[in-house]
């Protein structure tokens, strides 16, 4: 079973881990997820709520939850396999990247389930 339409996902903001919380608070309201990078490497992600409640003088990299898995996909994977991976790995989001590793978006468990439903309806 393959999905014939593009995966629906959330747009994300990608920021350096060196960014200070008080500097990014004004721009995060439109994004449910902020992907944190060091150079070209993803080091984690934060939700808008996590950033809003953090100490304003901290850097993004300092408030990333330790041990939170960050999995990346290209968006070409089977939606059912993505959902299965998320459930087995007990993760809430996967990050969508292009062939060069550039962040394109994030897929939540809810998004993954919706994509599976769309896949089933289209078959």
Protein backbone atom coordinates (compact mmCIF):
# COMPACT_ATOMS: atom_id res chain seq x y z
CA UNK A 1 0.00 0.00 0.00
CA UNK A 2 1.55 3.30 -1.02
CA UNK A 3 0.22 6.77 -0.46
CA UNK A 4 -0.32 8.53 -3.77
CA UNK A 5 -0.39 12.02 -2.26
CA UNK A 6 2.18 14.05 -0.38
CA UNK A 7 2.41 13.54 3.39
CA UNK A 8 0.58 16.22 5.33
CA UNK A 9 2.86 17.61 8.01
CA UNK A 10 3.59 20.65 10.17
CA UNK A 11 5.86 23.48 9.12
CA UNK A 12 8.74 24.00 11.50
CA UNK A 13 11.25 26.67 12.33
CA UNK A 14 14.92 25.65 12.33
CA UNK A 15 17.21 27.56 14.69
CA UNK A 16 20.73 27.27 16.01
CA UNK A 17 21.18 25.78 19.45
CA UNK A 18 23.02 28.98 20.37
CA UNK A 19 19.84 31.11 20.12
CA UNK A 20 18.69 32.64 23.43
CA UNK A 21 15.11 31.91 24.53
CA UNK A 22 14.11 35.56 25.00
CA UNK A 23 15.22 36.32 21.44
CA UNK A 24 13.14 33.57 19.83
CA UNK A 25 9.93 33.82 21.86
CA UNK A 26 8.47 36.54 19.60
CA UNK A 27 8.83 34.42 16.45
CA UNK A 28 7.81 30.94 17.59
CA UNK A 29 4.05 31.39 17.94
CA UNK A 30 3.38 30.32 14.34
CA UNK A 31 5.31 27.06 14.69
CA UNK A 32 4.37 24.08 16.85
CA UNK A 33 7.91 22.72 16.62
CA UNK A 34 11.36 24.30 16.58
CA UNK A 35 14.14 22.08 15.24
CA UNK A 36 17.46 22.86 16.90
CA UNK A 37 20.68 22.43 14.98
CA UNK A 38 24.41 22.73 15.41
CA UNK A 39 25.85 23.41 11.98
CA UNK A 40 24.03 21.03 9.64
CA UNK A 41 23.27 18.46 12.36
CA UNK A 42 19.89 18.20 14.08
CA UNK A 43 20.46 18.01 17.83
CA UNK A 44 16.83 18.00 18.92
CA UNK A 45 13.47 19.68 18.79
CA UNK A 46 11.36 21.74 21.13
CA UNK A 47 7.67 22.50 21.22
CA UNK A 48 6.47 26.09 21.40
CA UNK A 49 5.12 25.39 24.89
CA UNK A 50 8.54 24.16 26.08
CA UNK A 51 10.17 27.34 24.82
CA UNK A 52 7.50 29.62 26.30
CA UNK A 53 7.94 28.09 29.76
CA UNK A 54 11.77 28.02 29.73
CA UNK A 55 14.16 30.38 31.50
CA UNK A 56 14.55 33.31 29.10
CA UNK A 57 18.32 33.54 29.50
CA UNK A 58 19.02 29.95 28.46
CA UNK A 59 20.10 28.80 25.02
CA UNK A 60 17.87 26.49 23.00
CA UNK A 61 20.43 23.68 23.17
CA UNK A 62 20.35 23.87 26.98
CA UNK A 63 16.64 23.11 27.29
CA UNK A 64 16.42 20.18 24.88
CA UNK A 65 15.17 17.13 26.75
CA UNK A 66 17.99 14.66 27.13
CA UNK A 67 17.22 11.22 25.78
CA UNK A 68 14.48 12.43 23.41
CA UNK A 69 14.91 10.54 20.17
CA UNK A 70 15.10 12.48 16.94
CA UNK A 71 14.26 10.40 13.91
CA UNK A 72 14.34 11.77 10.40
CA UNK A 73 12.42 10.67 7.32
CA UNK A 74 12.32 11.87 3.73
CA UNK A 75 8.53 11.81 3.46
CA UNK A 76 8.67 9.09 0.83
CA UNK A 77 8.23 6.29 3.35
CA UNK A 78 5.00 4.35 3.71
CA UNK A 79 2.70 6.18 6.20
CA UNK A 80 1.87 2.95 8.03
CA UNK A 81 5.58 2.18 8.48
CA UNK A 82 6.17 5.71 9.81
CA UNK A 83 3.32 5.39 12.32
CA UNK A 84 4.52 1.94 13.37
CA UNK A 85 8.07 3.27 13.90
CA UNK A 86 6.78 6.19 15.99
CA UNK A 87 4.64 3.96 18.20
CA UNK A 88 7.40 1.34 18.66
CA UNK A 89 9.97 4.06 19.43
CA UNK A 90 7.57 5.96 21.71
CA UNK A 91 8.24 9.28 19.97
CA UNK A 92 5.83 12.11 19.25
CA UNK A 93 7.51 13.63 16.19
CA UNK A 94 9.71 12.68 13.27
CA UNK A 95 11.55 15.37 11.35
CA UNK A 96 11.19 15.44 7.56
CA UNK A 97 14.40 16.24 5.67
CA UNK A 98 15.31 16.44 1.99
CA UNK A 99 18.08 14.45 0.28
CA UNK A 100 20.68 16.95 1.55
CA UNK A 101 19.44 16.77 5.15
CA UNK A 102 17.71 20.17 5.11
CA UNK A 103 14.70 20.27 7.43
CA UNK A 104 11.37 20.44 5.59
CA UNK A 105 8.87 19.86 8.40
CA UNK A 106 7.76 17.65 11.25
CA UNK A 107 5.25 14.85 11.43
CA UNK A 108 3.39 14.23 14.68
CA UNK A 109 1.79 10.93 15.67
CA UNK A 110 -1.59 12.55 14.95
CA UNK A 111 -0.38 13.63 11.49
CA UNK A 112 0.94 10.12 10.83
CA UNK A 113 -2.42 8.60 11.78
CA UNK A 114 -4.25 11.04 9.50
CA UNK A 115 -1.92 10.11 6.64
CA UNK A 116 -2.64 6.41 7.21
CA UNK A 117 -6.38 7.16 7.12
CA UNK A 118 -5.94 9.06 3.83
CA UNK A 119 -3.92 6.15 2.44
CA UNK A 120 -6.65 3.64 3.33
CA UNK A 121 -9.40 5.82 1.83
CA UNK A 122 -7.47 6.27 -1.43
CA UNK A 123 -7.06 2.50 -1.99
